[in-house]
């Protein structure tokens, strides 16, 4: 899958592979990976937790991030369905999806910072910086449209200028999560330069 690079500690990755270390015997050993001097100390309770549950080192953020993505896509789709059909149930479902996004986006941001700190030692990475900026804007827009919709439940019922702005903000959520997801995927599955 082109995810494993020479010179990296792949101990955790080999445990998740569909094969054991026996496949490495097919290749000549060219060196030994040595521990670098620790740049930072992981707090003992966290170190214990990570050794007990290795899942917590890699998976909380990739698992949580799917919720804001699907909720923001769904918010846009259900609002479009409401405008096309006039059925209020679609607009209500869009509100529920928006609420799910408002709930899960802070969790995705928090687990993103945790993963960045733990696995990348909080080093400056362009993709992470872009994700952080876009996530802050995403959360702000989610909260604005959610509060707006709660305060004005009939915002889309009679289409006016305010309705247009509201609807455009809802549509804006779709490309926002797409950009965030794209840069997250580039960290997980780097694109090779030709």
N, C-alpha and C. Protein backbone atom coordinates (compact mmCIF):
# COMPACT_ATOMS: atom_id res chain seq x y z
N UNK A 1 0.82 -1.20 0.00
CA UNK A 1 0.00 0.00 0.00
C UNK A 1 0.85 1.26 0.00
N UNK A 2 2.15 1.10 -0.04
CA UNK A 2 3.10 2.22 -0.08
C UNK A 2 2.96 3.12 1.15
N UNK A 3 2.67 2.53 2.29
CA UNK A 3 2.54 3.30 3.53
C UNK A 3 3.73 3.11 4.44
N UNK A 4 4.57 2.12 4.18
CA UNK A 4 5.65 1.78 5.09
C UNK A 4 6.98 2.17 4.48
N UNK A 5 7.71 3.00 5.17
CA UNK A 5 8.94 3.56 4.62
C UNK A 5 10.16 3.07 5.39
N UNK A 6 11.23 2.86 4.66
CA UNK A 6 12.48 2.40 5.26
C UNK A 6 12.95 3.40 6.31
N UNK A 7 13.56 2.86 7.36
CA UNK A 7 14.10 3.71 8.42
C UNK A 7 13.07 4.11 9.45
N UNK A 8 11.85 3.62 9.32
CA UNK A 8 10.80 3.95 10.27
C UNK A 8 10.56 2.75 11.19
N UNK A 9 10.10 3.03 12.38
CA UNK A 9 9.74 1.96 13.32
C UNK A 9 8.36 1.46 12.93
N UNK A 10 8.30 0.25 12.40
CA UNK A 10 7.05 -0.31 11.92
C UNK A 10 6.52 -1.41 12.84
N UNK A 11 6.95 -1.40 14.08
CA UNK A 11 6.54 -2.43 15.04
C UNK A 11 5.02 -2.51 15.15
N UNK A 12 4.38 -1.37 15.32
CA UNK A 12 2.93 -1.36 15.45
C UNK A 12 2.26 -1.77 14.15
N UNK A 13 2.81 -1.34 13.02
CA UNK A 13 2.23 -1.66 11.72
C UNK A 13 2.27 -3.16 11.43
N UNK A 14 3.37 -3.82 11.78
CA UNK A 14 3.49 -5.25 11.48
C UNK A 14 2.47 -6.06 12.28
N UNK A 15 2.12 -5.57 13.47
CA UNK A 15 1.09 -6.25 14.27
C UNK A 15 -0.27 -6.18 13.60
N UNK A 16 -0.52 -5.12 12.83
CA UNK A 16 -1.81 -4.95 12.17
C UNK A 16 -1.83 -5.58 10.78
N UNK A 17 -0.65 -6.07 10.31
CA UNK A 17 -0.56 -6.65 8.96
C UNK A 17 -1.21 -8.03 8.92
N UNK A 18 -1.64 -8.45 7.73
CA UNK A 18 -2.25 -9.78 7.60
C UNK A 18 -1.21 -10.91 7.59
N UNK A 19 0.05 -10.58 7.86
CA UNK A 19 1.13 -11.57 7.88
C UNK A 19 2.03 -11.27 9.07
N UNK A 20 2.94 -12.16 9.33
CA UNK A 20 3.88 -11.96 10.44
C UNK A 20 5.22 -11.45 9.94
N UNK A 21 6.20 -11.45 10.84
CA UNK A 21 7.54 -10.95 10.49
C UNK A 21 8.28 -11.89 9.54
N UNK A 22 7.73 -13.08 9.31
CA UNK A 22 8.42 -14.04 8.43
C UNK A 22 8.60 -13.49 7.01
N UNK A 23 7.74 -12.59 6.55
CA UNK A 23 7.90 -12.03 5.21
C UNK A 23 9.17 -11.19 5.08
N UNK A 24 9.68 -10.69 6.20
CA UNK A 24 10.89 -9.87 6.17
C UNK A 24 12.13 -10.70 5.85
N UNK A 25 12.05 -12.02 6.03
CA UNK A 25 13.20 -12.90 5.76
C UNK A 25 13.51 -12.95 4.27
N UNK A 26 12.59 -12.51 3.43
CA UNK A 26 12.80 -12.50 1.98
C UNK A 26 13.73 -11.37 1.55
N UNK A 27 13.99 -10.44 2.46
CA UNK A 27 14.77 -9.26 2.12
C UNK A 27 16.05 -9.21 2.95
N UNK A 28 17.14 -8.71 2.37
CA UNK A 28 18.39 -8.63 3.15
C UNK A 28 18.30 -7.52 4.20
N UNK A 29 18.88 -7.78 5.36
CA UNK A 29 18.94 -6.75 6.40
C UNK A 29 20.06 -5.79 6.05
N UNK A 30 19.75 -4.52 6.03
CA UNK A 30 20.74 -3.52 5.64
C UNK A 30 21.15 -2.63 6.80
N UNK A 31 20.52 -2.79 7.94
CA UNK A 31 20.87 -1.96 9.08
C UNK A 31 20.00 -2.29 10.27
N UNK A 32 20.26 -1.58 11.35
CA UNK A 32 19.50 -1.78 12.58
C UNK A 32 18.97 -0.41 13.01
N UNK A 33 17.69 -0.37 13.28
CA UNK A 33 17.07 0.87 13.74
C UNK A 33 17.37 1.04 15.22
N UNK A 34 18.01 2.16 15.55
CA UNK A 34 18.34 2.42 16.94
C UNK A 34 17.44 3.50 17.49
N UNK A 35 17.19 3.41 18.76
CA UNK A 35 16.38 4.42 19.44
C UNK A 35 17.14 5.75 19.46
N UNK A 36 16.44 6.82 19.10
CA UNK A 36 17.03 8.15 19.24
C UNK A 36 16.82 8.61 20.67
N UNK A 37 17.61 9.56 21.06
CA UNK A 37 17.40 10.14 22.38
C UNK A 37 16.01 10.74 22.42
N UNK A 38 15.29 10.48 23.46
CA UNK A 38 13.91 10.94 23.57
C UNK A 38 13.86 12.46 23.55
N UNK A 39 13.07 13.00 22.61
CA UNK A 39 12.93 14.44 22.52
C UNK A 39 11.97 14.95 23.59
N UNK A 40 11.08 14.07 23.98
CA UNK A 40 10.12 14.44 25.00
C UNK A 40 9.71 13.20 25.77
N UNK A 41 9.28 13.40 26.92
CA UNK A 41 8.86 12.29 27.78
C UNK A 41 7.34 12.21 27.75
N UNK A 42 6.83 11.02 27.43
CA UNK A 42 5.39 10.80 27.49
C UNK A 42 5.05 10.53 28.94
N UNK A 43 4.04 11.21 29.47
CA UNK A 43 3.66 10.98 30.86
C UNK A 43 3.42 9.49 31.14
N UNK A 44 3.86 9.03 32.30
CA UNK A 44 3.78 7.60 32.64
C UNK A 44 2.37 7.01 32.51
N UNK A 45 1.33 7.70 33.00
CA UNK A 45 -0.01 7.11 32.84
C UNK A 45 -0.38 6.92 31.36
N UNK A 46 -0.02 7.89 30.51
CA UNK A 46 -0.31 7.76 29.08
C UNK A 46 0.54 6.66 28.46
N UNK A 47 1.80 6.57 28.85
CA UNK A 47 2.68 5.52 28.35
C UNK A 47 2.12 4.14 28.70
N UNK A 48 1.65 3.98 29.92
CA UNK A 48 1.04 2.72 30.36
C UNK A 48 -0.20 2.42 29.52
N UNK A 49 -1.03 3.42 29.33
CA UNK A 49 -2.26 3.26 28.56
C UNK A 49 -1.96 2.86 27.12
N UNK A 50 -0.95 3.49 26.52
CA UNK A 50 -0.58 3.19 25.14
C UNK A 50 0.00 1.79 25.00
N UNK A 51 0.76 1.35 26.01
CA UNK A 51 1.31 -0.01 25.94
C UNK A 51 0.21 -1.05 26.13
N UNK A 52 -0.76 -0.70 26.94
CA UNK A 52 -1.89 -1.62 27.20
C UNK A 52 -2.88 -1.65 26.04
N UNK A 53 -3.10 -0.49 25.42
CA UNK A 53 -4.05 -0.36 24.32
C UNK A 53 -3.39 0.36 23.14
N UNK A 54 -2.59 -0.35 22.32
CA UNK A 54 -1.88 0.28 21.21
C UNK A 54 -2.82 1.00 20.23
N UNK A 55 -4.06 0.59 20.22
CA UNK A 55 -5.09 1.22 19.39
C UNK A 55 -5.11 2.74 19.60
N UNK A 56 -4.86 3.17 20.84
CA UNK A 56 -4.94 4.59 21.17
C UNK A 56 -3.82 5.42 20.54
N UNK A 57 -2.77 4.77 20.06
CA UNK A 57 -1.66 5.49 19.44
C UNK A 57 -2.04 5.95 18.03
N UNK A 58 -2.79 5.16 17.31
CA UNK A 58 -3.03 5.46 15.90
C UNK A 58 -4.48 5.74 15.54
N UNK A 59 -5.44 5.15 16.22
CA UNK A 59 -6.79 5.09 15.67
C UNK A 59 -7.84 6.07 16.19
N UNK A 60 -7.69 6.75 17.31
CA UNK A 60 -8.80 7.61 17.74
C UNK A 60 -9.17 8.69 16.71
N UNK A 61 -8.19 9.36 16.14
CA UNK A 61 -8.53 10.43 15.19
C UNK A 61 -9.12 9.89 13.88
N UNK A 62 -8.49 8.91 13.23
CA UNK A 62 -9.10 8.39 12.00
C UNK A 62 -10.51 7.83 12.23
N UNK A 63 -10.76 7.31 13.41
CA UNK A 63 -12.09 6.78 13.70
C UNK A 63 -13.10 7.91 13.88
N UNK A 64 -12.77 8.91 14.66
CA UNK A 64 -13.68 10.00 14.99
C UNK A 64 -13.94 10.92 13.80
N UNK A 65 -12.95 11.13 12.96
CA UNK A 65 -13.07 12.12 11.88
C UNK A 65 -14.16 11.76 10.88
N UNK A 66 -14.52 10.49 10.78
CA UNK A 66 -15.56 10.10 9.83
C UNK A 66 -16.93 10.67 10.21
N UNK A 67 -17.15 10.91 11.49
CA UNK A 67 -18.46 11.44 11.91
C UNK A 67 -18.70 12.86 11.39
N UNK A 68 -17.79 13.82 11.62
CA UNK A 68 -18.05 15.16 11.06
C UNK A 68 -18.17 15.15 9.54
N UNK A 69 -17.39 14.30 8.88
CA UNK A 69 -17.46 14.25 7.42
C UNK A 69 -18.86 13.84 6.98
N UNK A 70 -19.35 12.74 7.50
CA UNK A 70 -20.66 12.26 7.06
C UNK A 70 -21.77 13.20 7.53
N UNK A 71 -21.66 13.77 8.71
CA UNK A 71 -22.70 14.69 9.18
C UNK A 71 -22.75 15.95 8.33
N UNK A 72 -21.60 16.48 7.92
CA UNK A 72 -21.61 17.71 7.11
C UNK A 72 -22.10 17.42 5.69
N UNK A 73 -21.69 16.29 5.11
CA UNK A 73 -22.22 15.90 3.80
C UNK A 73 -23.74 15.76 3.89
N UNK A 74 -24.20 15.07 4.92
CA UNK A 74 -25.64 14.81 5.09
C UNK A 74 -26.42 16.10 5.32
N UNK A 75 -25.86 17.03 6.07
CA UNK A 75 -26.54 18.31 6.29
C UNK A 75 -26.83 18.99 4.95
N UNK A 76 -25.84 19.04 4.09
CA UNK A 76 -26.03 19.67 2.78
C UNK A 76 -27.05 18.90 1.94
N UNK A 77 -26.90 17.59 1.89
CA UNK A 77 -27.79 16.76 1.05
C UNK A 77 -29.24 16.86 1.52
N UNK A 78 -29.48 16.76 2.82
CA UNK A 78 -30.87 16.81 3.31
C UNK A 78 -31.49 18.19 3.14
N UNK A 79 -30.70 19.26 3.21
CA UNK A 79 -31.24 20.59 2.93
C UNK A 79 -31.59 20.72 1.45
N UNK A 80 -30.77 20.18 0.59
CA UNK A 80 -31.08 20.21 -0.85
C UNK A 80 -32.36 19.42 -1.12
N UNK A 81 -32.47 18.23 -0.50
CA UNK A 81 -33.68 17.44 -0.68
C UNK A 81 -34.92 18.19 -0.19
N UNK A 82 -34.76 18.93 0.92
CA UNK A 82 -35.89 19.73 1.41
C UNK A 82 -36.29 20.80 0.40
N UNK A 83 -35.31 21.50 -0.15
CA UNK A 83 -35.63 22.56 -1.11
C UNK A 83 -36.24 22.00 -2.39
N UNK A 84 -35.83 20.80 -2.79
CA UNK A 84 -36.39 20.19 -4.00
C UNK A 84 -37.79 19.60 -3.78
N UNK A 85 -38.01 19.02 -2.59
CA UNK A 85 -39.27 18.32 -2.35
C UNK A 85 -40.27 19.11 -1.52
N UNK A 86 -39.79 20.02 -0.69
CA UNK A 86 -40.68 20.75 0.21
C UNK A 86 -41.07 19.96 1.45
N UNK A 87 -40.53 18.77 1.62
CA UNK A 87 -40.87 17.93 2.78
C UNK A 87 -40.02 18.36 3.97
N UNK A 88 -40.70 18.85 5.01
CA UNK A 88 -40.03 19.40 6.19
C UNK A 88 -39.16 18.36 6.91
N UNK A 89 -39.51 17.09 6.78
CA UNK A 89 -38.74 16.03 7.45
C UNK A 89 -37.27 16.05 6.99
N UNK A 90 -37.03 16.37 5.72
CA UNK A 90 -35.66 16.44 5.22
C UNK A 90 -34.89 17.57 5.90
N UNK A 91 -35.54 18.71 6.08
CA UNK A 91 -34.89 19.85 6.71
C UNK A 91 -34.62 19.56 8.20
N UNK A 92 -35.55 18.86 8.83
CA UNK A 92 -35.37 18.48 10.24
C UNK A 92 -34.21 17.49 10.36
N UNK A 93 -34.12 16.56 9.43
CA UNK A 93 -33.01 15.61 9.43
C UNK A 93 -31.69 16.35 9.22
N UNK A 94 -31.69 17.36 8.37
CA UNK A 94 -30.49 18.17 8.14
C UNK A 94 -30.06 18.84 9.44
N UNK A 95 -31.02 19.34 10.22
CA UNK A 95 -30.71 19.96 11.51
C UNK A 95 -30.08 18.94 12.45
N UNK A 96 -30.62 17.74 12.49
CA UNK A 96 -30.06 16.69 13.36
C UNK A 96 -28.63 16.33 12.94
N UNK A 97 -28.41 16.27 11.63
CA UNK A 97 -27.05 15.98 11.14
C UNK A 97 -26.10 17.12 11.51
N UNK A 98 -26.57 18.35 11.38
CA UNK A 98 -25.77 19.50 11.76
C UNK A 98 -25.41 19.44 13.24
N UNK A 99 -26.37 19.05 14.07
CA UNK A 99 -26.11 18.90 15.51
C UNK A 99 -25.05 17.83 15.75
N UNK A 100 -25.11 16.73 15.00
CA UNK A 100 -24.08 15.70 15.11
C UNK A 100 -22.72 16.23 14.74
N UNK A 101 -22.65 17.06 13.71
CA UNK A 101 -21.38 17.67 13.32
C UNK A 101 -20.84 18.59 14.39
N UNK A 102 -21.73 19.41 14.99
CA UNK A 102 -21.31 20.30 16.07
C UNK A 102 -20.80 19.50 17.26
N UNK A 103 -21.38 18.35 17.50
CA UNK A 103 -20.96 17.48 18.61
C UNK A 103 -19.62 16.81 18.33
N UNK A 104 -19.45 16.26 17.13
CA UNK A 104 -18.27 15.44 16.85
C UNK A 104 -17.06 16.23 16.33
N UNK A 105 -17.25 17.40 15.75
CA UNK A 105 -16.12 18.17 15.23
C UNK A 105 -15.11 18.52 16.33
N UNK A 106 -15.55 19.01 17.51
CA UNK A 106 -14.56 19.26 18.57
C UNK A 106 -13.79 17.99 18.98
N UNK A 107 -14.49 16.84 18.97
CA UNK A 107 -13.80 15.58 19.29
C UNK A 107 -12.76 15.25 18.23
N UNK A 108 -13.10 15.48 16.96
CA UNK A 108 -12.16 15.22 15.87
C UNK A 108 -10.96 16.16 15.97
N UNK A 109 -11.21 17.42 16.31
CA UNK A 109 -10.12 18.38 16.47
C UNK A 109 -9.23 17.96 17.63
N UNK A 110 -9.83 17.58 18.76
CA UNK A 110 -9.05 17.18 19.94
C UNK A 110 -8.21 15.94 19.65
N UNK A 111 -8.80 14.92 19.01
CA UNK A 111 -8.04 13.71 18.70
C UNK A 111 -6.99 14.00 17.63
N UNK A 112 -7.24 14.98 16.76
CA UNK A 112 -6.24 15.38 15.77
C UNK A 112 -5.02 15.99 16.43
N UNK A 113 -5.26 16.89 17.39
CA UNK A 113 -4.13 17.47 18.13
C UNK A 113 -3.39 16.39 18.91
N UNK A 114 -4.12 15.46 19.51
CA UNK A 114 -3.51 14.36 20.27
C UNK A 114 -2.62 13.51 19.35
N UNK A 115 -3.16 13.12 18.19
CA UNK A 115 -2.39 12.29 17.26
C UNK A 115 -1.17 13.04 16.74
N UNK A 116 -1.33 14.33 16.45
CA UNK A 116 -0.22 15.15 15.97
C UNK A 116 0.86 15.24 17.04
N UNK A 117 0.47 15.46 18.27
CA UNK A 117 1.43 15.54 19.38
C UNK A 117 2.11 14.20 19.61
N UNK A 118 1.34 13.12 19.63
CA UNK A 118 1.88 11.80 19.96
C UNK A 118 2.72 11.20 18.83
N UNK A 119 2.22 11.23 17.62
CA UNK A 119 2.88 10.54 16.52
C UNK A 119 3.83 11.42 15.70
N UNK A 120 3.63 12.72 15.73
CA UNK A 120 4.47 13.63 14.94
C UNK A 120 5.24 14.61 15.83
N UNK A 121 5.17 14.41 17.15
CA UNK A 121 5.84 15.25 18.13
C UNK A 121 5.51 16.73 17.95
N UNK A 122 4.31 17.00 17.46
CA UNK A 122 3.79 18.35 17.26
C UNK A 122 4.71 19.21 16.38
N UNK A 123 5.42 18.54 15.47
CA UNK A 123 6.31 19.27 14.56
C UNK A 123 5.48 19.96 13.49
N UNK A 124 5.96 21.10 13.00
CA UNK A 124 5.21 21.80 11.95
C UNK A 124 5.13 20.95 10.68
N UNK A 125 3.93 20.68 10.26
CA UNK A 125 3.68 19.91 9.04
C UNK A 125 2.62 20.69 8.26
N UNK A 126 2.89 20.97 7.01
CA UNK A 126 1.98 21.78 6.20
C UNK A 126 0.56 21.23 6.20
N UNK A 127 0.41 19.94 5.96
CA UNK A 127 -0.93 19.33 5.91
C UNK A 127 -1.66 19.49 7.24
N UNK A 128 -0.95 19.35 8.33
CA UNK A 128 -1.56 19.50 9.65
C UNK A 128 -1.98 20.95 9.87
N UNK A 129 -1.13 21.88 9.48
CA UNK A 129 -1.46 23.30 9.65
C UNK A 129 -2.71 23.67 8.85
N UNK A 130 -2.82 23.15 7.65
CA UNK A 130 -4.01 23.41 6.82
C UNK A 130 -5.24 22.80 7.47
N UNK A 131 -5.10 21.56 7.94
CA UNK A 131 -6.23 20.90 8.61
C UNK A 131 -6.67 21.68 9.85
N UNK A 132 -5.72 22.20 10.61
CA UNK A 132 -6.05 22.94 11.83
C UNK A 132 -6.83 24.22 11.49
N UNK A 133 -6.36 24.96 10.49
CA UNK A 133 -7.04 26.20 10.11
C UNK A 133 -8.45 25.93 9.58
N UNK A 134 -8.55 24.97 8.67
CA UNK A 134 -9.85 24.66 8.08
C UNK A 134 -10.81 24.10 9.14
N UNK A 135 -10.29 23.33 10.08
CA UNK A 135 -11.14 22.77 11.14
C UNK A 135 -11.71 23.86 12.03
N UNK A 136 -10.91 24.87 12.32
CA UNK A 136 -11.40 25.99 13.15
C UNK A 136 -12.51 26.73 12.40
N UNK A 137 -12.32 26.97 11.11
CA UNK A 137 -13.36 27.64 10.31
C UNK A 137 -14.59 26.76 10.22
N UNK A 138 -14.39 25.47 9.99
CA UNK A 138 -15.50 24.52 9.90
C UNK A 138 -16.35 24.57 11.17
N UNK A 139 -15.71 24.47 12.32
CA UNK A 139 -16.44 24.47 13.59
C UNK A 139 -17.18 25.80 13.77
N UNK A 140 -16.55 26.90 13.44
CA UNK A 140 -17.20 28.20 13.58
C UNK A 140 -18.45 28.29 12.70
N UNK A 141 -18.33 27.84 11.44
CA UNK A 141 -19.48 27.88 10.53
C UNK A 141 -20.58 26.94 11.02
N UNK A 142 -20.21 25.75 11.48
CA UNK A 142 -21.20 24.82 12.02
C UNK A 142 -21.99 25.46 13.15
N UNK A 143 -21.30 26.07 14.08
CA UNK A 143 -21.97 26.69 15.23
C UNK A 143 -22.86 27.84 14.78
N UNK A 144 -22.36 28.66 13.87
CA UNK A 144 -23.16 29.80 13.37
C UNK A 144 -24.45 29.32 12.73
N UNK A 145 -24.36 28.37 11.80
CA UNK A 145 -25.59 27.92 11.12
C UNK A 145 -26.50 27.14 12.05
N UNK A 146 -25.93 26.42 13.02
CA UNK A 146 -26.76 25.69 13.97
C UNK A 146 -27.57 26.66 14.84
N UNK A 147 -26.90 27.66 15.40
CA UNK A 147 -27.59 28.65 16.24
C UNK A 147 -28.60 29.42 15.40
N UNK A 148 -28.19 29.77 14.18
CA UNK A 148 -29.09 30.50 13.28
C UNK A 148 -30.36 29.69 13.03
N UNK A 149 -30.19 28.41 12.73
CA UNK A 149 -31.34 27.53 12.44
C UNK A 149 -32.22 27.35 13.68
N UNK A 150 -31.63 27.24 14.88
CA UNK A 150 -32.41 27.10 16.12
C UNK A 150 -33.22 28.38 16.37
N UNK A 151 -32.59 29.53 16.13
CA UNK A 151 -33.26 30.82 16.36
C UNK A 151 -34.32 31.12 15.30
N UNK A 152 -34.10 30.62 14.09
CA UNK A 152 -35.05 30.85 12.99
C UNK A 152 -35.42 29.52 12.34
N UNK A 153 -36.32 28.75 12.96
CA UNK A 153 -36.65 27.42 12.44
C UNK A 153 -37.21 27.42 11.01
N UNK A 154 -37.75 28.55 10.57
CA UNK A 154 -38.34 28.61 9.23
C UNK A 154 -37.41 29.30 8.22
N UNK A 155 -36.12 29.31 8.48
CA UNK A 155 -35.15 30.04 7.65
C UNK A 155 -35.23 29.65 6.17
N UNK A 156 -35.50 28.38 5.89
CA UNK A 156 -35.58 27.94 4.49
C UNK A 156 -37.00 27.83 3.97
N UNK A 157 -37.99 28.11 4.80
CA UNK A 157 -39.39 27.92 4.38
C UNK A 157 -39.80 28.92 3.30
N UNK A 158 -39.49 30.19 3.50
CA UNK A 158 -39.75 31.20 2.46
C UNK A 158 -38.40 31.77 2.08
N UNK A 159 -37.96 31.45 0.89
CA UNK A 159 -36.59 31.75 0.49
C UNK A 159 -36.39 33.25 0.30
N UNK A 160 -35.50 33.84 1.11
CA UNK A 160 -35.16 35.26 1.06
C UNK A 160 -33.64 35.37 1.00
N UNK A 161 -33.14 36.61 1.11
CA UNK A 161 -31.69 36.82 1.07
C UNK A 161 -31.01 36.10 2.23
N UNK A 162 -31.58 36.18 3.44
CA UNK A 162 -31.01 35.49 4.61
C UNK A 162 -31.00 33.98 4.38
N UNK A 163 -32.05 33.47 3.74
CA UNK A 163 -32.12 32.04 3.44
C UNK A 163 -30.99 31.64 2.50
N UNK A 164 -30.71 32.49 1.52
CA UNK A 164 -29.63 32.21 0.57
C UNK A 164 -28.28 32.16 1.27
N UNK A 165 -28.01 33.12 2.14
CA UNK A 165 -26.75 33.14 2.88
C UNK A 165 -26.65 31.89 3.76
N UNK A 166 -27.72 31.56 4.46
CA UNK A 166 -27.76 30.37 5.30
C UNK A 166 -27.46 29.12 4.46
N UNK A 167 -28.15 28.99 3.33
CA UNK A 167 -27.99 27.82 2.48
C UNK A 167 -26.57 27.74 1.91
N UNK A 168 -25.99 28.87 1.52
CA UNK A 168 -24.62 28.87 1.01
C UNK A 168 -23.63 28.45 2.09
N UNK A 169 -23.88 28.89 3.32
CA UNK A 169 -23.01 28.45 4.44
C UNK A 169 -23.13 26.94 4.64
N UNK A 170 -24.34 26.41 4.52
CA UNK A 170 -24.55 24.95 4.64
C UNK A 170 -23.77 24.24 3.53
N UNK A 171 -23.88 24.75 2.30
CA UNK A 171 -23.15 24.13 1.18
C UNK A 171 -21.64 24.24 1.37
N UNK A 172 -21.19 25.32 2.01
CA UNK A 172 -19.77 25.56 2.27
C UNK A 172 -19.17 24.47 3.16
N UNK A 173 -19.99 23.84 4.00
CA UNK A 173 -19.50 22.78 4.89
C UNK A 173 -18.96 21.59 4.10
N UNK A 174 -19.57 21.32 2.96
CA UNK A 174 -19.18 20.17 2.13
C UNK A 174 -17.73 20.29 1.64
N UNK A 175 -17.34 21.40 0.97
CA UNK A 175 -15.93 21.49 0.55
C UNK A 175 -14.96 21.61 1.72
N UNK A 176 -15.43 22.19 2.83
CA UNK A 176 -14.54 22.31 4.00
C UNK A 176 -14.10 20.94 4.49
N UNK A 177 -15.05 20.03 4.71
CA UNK A 177 -14.67 18.70 5.21
C UNK A 177 -13.92 17.93 4.15
N UNK A 178 -14.18 18.22 2.87
CA UNK A 178 -13.45 17.55 1.79
C UNK A 178 -11.97 17.95 1.82
N UNK A 179 -11.70 19.23 2.00
CA UNK A 179 -10.30 19.70 2.08
C UNK A 179 -9.60 19.11 3.30
N UNK A 180 -10.28 19.15 4.43
CA UNK A 180 -9.70 18.59 5.67
C UNK A 180 -9.40 17.11 5.48
N UNK A 181 -10.36 16.38 4.90
CA UNK A 181 -10.18 14.95 4.65
C UNK A 181 -9.06 14.67 3.67
N UNK A 182 -8.93 15.51 2.64
CA UNK A 182 -7.88 15.34 1.63
C UNK A 182 -6.49 15.44 2.27
N UNK A 183 -6.29 16.47 3.09
CA UNK A 183 -4.97 16.63 3.71
C UNK A 183 -4.72 15.58 4.78
N UNK A 184 -5.76 15.10 5.43
CA UNK A 184 -5.60 13.99 6.36
C UNK A 184 -5.20 12.72 5.63
N UNK A 185 -5.83 12.49 4.48
CA UNK A 185 -5.49 11.31 3.68
C UNK A 185 -4.06 11.39 3.16
N UNK A 186 -3.59 12.62 2.85
CA UNK A 186 -2.21 12.76 2.39
C UNK A 186 -1.21 12.36 3.47
N UNK A 187 -1.58 12.54 4.74
CA UNK A 187 -0.69 12.11 5.83
C UNK A 187 -0.67 10.59 5.93
N UNK A 188 -1.84 9.98 5.73
CA UNK A 188 -1.95 8.52 5.86
C UNK A 188 -1.47 7.80 4.61
N UNK A 189 -1.83 8.33 3.46
CA UNK A 189 -1.47 7.72 2.18
C UNK A 189 -0.76 8.78 1.33
N UNK A 190 0.53 9.03 1.57
CA UNK A 190 1.23 10.10 0.84
C UNK A 190 1.22 9.86 -0.66
N UNK A 191 1.08 10.95 -1.38
CA UNK A 191 1.11 10.91 -2.85
C UNK A 191 2.55 10.99 -3.29
N UNK A 192 2.97 10.01 -4.09
CA UNK A 192 4.36 10.01 -4.54
C UNK A 192 4.53 10.97 -5.70
N UNK A 193 5.62 11.69 -5.69
CA UNK A 193 5.92 12.61 -6.79
C UNK A 193 6.55 11.81 -7.91
N UNK A 194 6.16 12.16 -9.13
CA UNK A 194 6.69 11.43 -10.29
C UNK A 194 7.97 12.04 -10.77
